[in-house]
Amino acid sequence: MSFFVSSAVAQTSTPQASPSGFDPIMLIMMVGMFAFMYFFIIRPQRKRQKEHQNLVSALSKGDEVVLTSGLLGRVVKVDENYVVVETGNNIELKFQKIAVHAVLPKGTIKSIDAA
């Protein structure tokens, strides 16, 4: 047991003095961490939410859309919270507006059907 520090020596050492009050390094690290989280996590997410909200509010009859499920269709009716999408020959489905993922350029569904 000679290679271990004896417990008597370990007990006699003076305890570390605790930092009193203000620590500028810790404050700088906390501010830096908050700035990192804001610019790399919070800000981009808010930007995506705002873009999606603008997309959903601009929906109109005749728009060709892709839903979050991958379904393609043409908007037939737009309500305050819902949108009716025509997916085939007289097949109309009702979805929440937030389910719209993207608005496609006009004629996209025709070009996909022709292929």
Protein backbone atom coordinates (compact mmCIF):
# COMPACT_ATOMS: atom_id res chain seq x y z
CA MET A 1 0.00 0.00 0.00
CA SER A 2 3.02 2.27 -0.18
CA PHE A 3 2.11 3.48 -3.68
CA PHE A 4 -1.18 5.05 -2.46
CA VAL A 5 -1.33 8.39 -0.74
CA SER A 6 -1.85 7.74 2.89
CA SER A 7 -5.18 8.86 4.23
CA ALA A 8 -3.47 10.93 6.92
CA VAL A 9 -1.73 13.08 4.28
CA ALA A 10 -4.93 13.46 2.28
CA GLN A 11 -6.80 14.65 5.34
CA THR A 12 -4.24 17.25 6.38
CA SER A 13 -4.20 19.14 3.08
CA THR A 14 -5.89 22.53 3.16
CA PRO A 15 -9.24 22.75 1.37
CA GLN A 16 -9.49 24.86 -1.79
CA ALA A 17 -10.76 28.33 -1.15
CA SER A 18 -14.18 28.77 -2.74
CA PRO A 19 -14.45 31.69 -5.16
CA SER A 20 -16.15 34.59 -3.51
CA GLY A 21 -19.03 36.17 -5.40
CA PHE A 22 -18.50 37.37 -8.95
CA ASP A 23 -16.73 35.20 -11.54
CA PRO A 24 -16.38 37.01 -14.91
CA ILE A 25 -15.26 33.88 -16.79
CA MET A 26 -18.45 32.04 -15.84
CA LEU A 27 -20.57 35.03 -16.87
CA ILE A 28 -18.85 35.23 -20.25
CA MET A 29 -19.37 31.49 -20.81
CA MET A 30 -23.08 31.73 -19.96
CA VAL A 31 -23.60 34.71 -22.27
CA GLY A 32 -21.67 32.92 -25.02
CA MET A 33 -23.76 29.76 -24.61
CA PHE A 34 -27.00 31.76 -24.80
CA ALA A 35 -25.78 33.60 -27.92
CA PHE A 36 -24.81 30.30 -29.54
CA MET A 37 -28.22 28.76 -28.82
CA TYR A 38 -30.04 31.86 -30.06
CA PHE A 39 -28.18 32.19 -33.36
CA PHE A 40 -27.91 28.49 -34.22
CA ILE A 41 -31.14 27.04 -32.81
CA ILE A 42 -33.84 29.56 -31.92
CA ARG A 43 -33.46 32.10 -34.72
CA PRO A 44 -33.45 29.62 -37.66
CA GLN A 45 -36.46 27.79 -36.22
CA ARG A 46 -38.44 31.02 -35.91
CA LYS A 47 -37.50 31.91 -39.48
CA ARG A 48 -38.83 28.54 -40.75
CA GLN A 49 -42.03 28.97 -38.74
CA LYS A 50 -42.59 32.43 -40.20
CA GLU A 51 -41.98 31.21 -43.77
CA HIS A 52 -44.43 28.33 -43.28
CA GLN A 53 -47.04 30.68 -41.79
CA ASN A 54 -46.71 32.98 -44.82
CA LEU A 55 -47.02 30.00 -47.17
CA VAL A 56 -50.16 28.71 -45.43
CA SER A 57 -51.82 32.13 -45.29
CA ALA A 58 -51.17 32.71 -49.02
CA LEU A 59 -52.92 29.50 -50.13
CA SER A 60 -55.63 30.05 -52.72
CA LYS A 61 -57.94 28.01 -54.93
CA GLY A 62 -56.08 26.36 -57.80
CA ASP A 63 -52.69 26.09 -56.10
CA GLU A 64 -50.89 22.79 -56.52
CA VAL A 65 -49.53 21.62 -53.19
CA VAL A 66 -47.52 18.88 -51.52
CA LEU A 67 -48.73 17.83 -48.09
CA THR A 68 -46.48 16.63 -45.26
CA SER A 69 -47.63 13.06 -46.00
CA GLY A 70 -46.28 13.37 -49.57
CA LEU A 71 -49.71 13.65 -51.16
CA LEU A 72 -49.94 15.86 -54.26
CA GLY A 73 -53.12 17.73 -55.09
CA ARG A 74 -54.84 20.88 -56.27
CA VAL A 75 -56.54 23.18 -53.76
CA VAL A 76 -60.30 23.33 -54.36
CA LYS A 77 -61.46 25.25 -51.30
CA VAL A 78 -59.68 27.22 -48.59
CA ASP A 79 -61.25 27.69 -45.16
CA GLU A 80 -59.87 29.47 -42.12
CA ASN A 81 -58.21 26.34 -40.69
CA TYR A 82 -58.78 23.73 -43.39
CA VAL A 83 -58.06 23.21 -47.05
CA VAL A 84 -59.88 20.86 -49.45
CA VAL A 85 -57.50 19.18 -51.89
CA GLU A 86 -58.49 17.37 -55.07
CA THR A 87 -56.18 14.40 -55.48
CA GLY A 88 -57.71 12.64 -58.48
CA ASN A 89 -60.90 12.36 -60.53
CA ASN A 90 -63.48 13.94 -58.21
CA ILE A 91 -61.63 12.77 -55.09
CA GLU A 92 -61.56 15.58 -52.56
CA LEU A 93 -59.87 15.34 -49.17
CA LYS A 94 -59.97 17.82 -46.32
CA PHE A 95 -56.76 18.63 -44.45
CA GLN A 96 -55.60 21.14 -41.89
CA LYS A 97 -53.73 24.05 -43.45
CA ILE A 98 -50.61 23.30 -41.43
CA ALA A 99 -50.30 19.97 -43.28
CA VAL A 100 -49.29 21.83 -46.46
CA HIS A 101 -45.56 21.40 -46.97
CA ALA A 102 -44.98 23.33 -50.19
CA VAL A 103 -46.74 25.02 -53.08
CA LEU A 104 -45.71 23.64 -56.47
CA PRO A 105 -45.42 25.59 -59.72
CA LYS A 106 -48.54 25.46 -61.91
CA GLY A 107 -48.63 22.41 -64.19
CA THR A 108 -46.44 20.20 -62.01
CA ILE A 109 -49.14 17.58 -61.43
CA LYS A 110 -49.88 17.37 -65.18
CA SER A 111 -46.20 16.85 -65.96
CA ILE A 112 -45.96 14.08 -63.35
CA ASP A 113 -49.13 12.38 -64.68
CA ALA A 114 -47.78 12.46 -68.25
CA ALA A 115 -44.54 10.73 -67.26
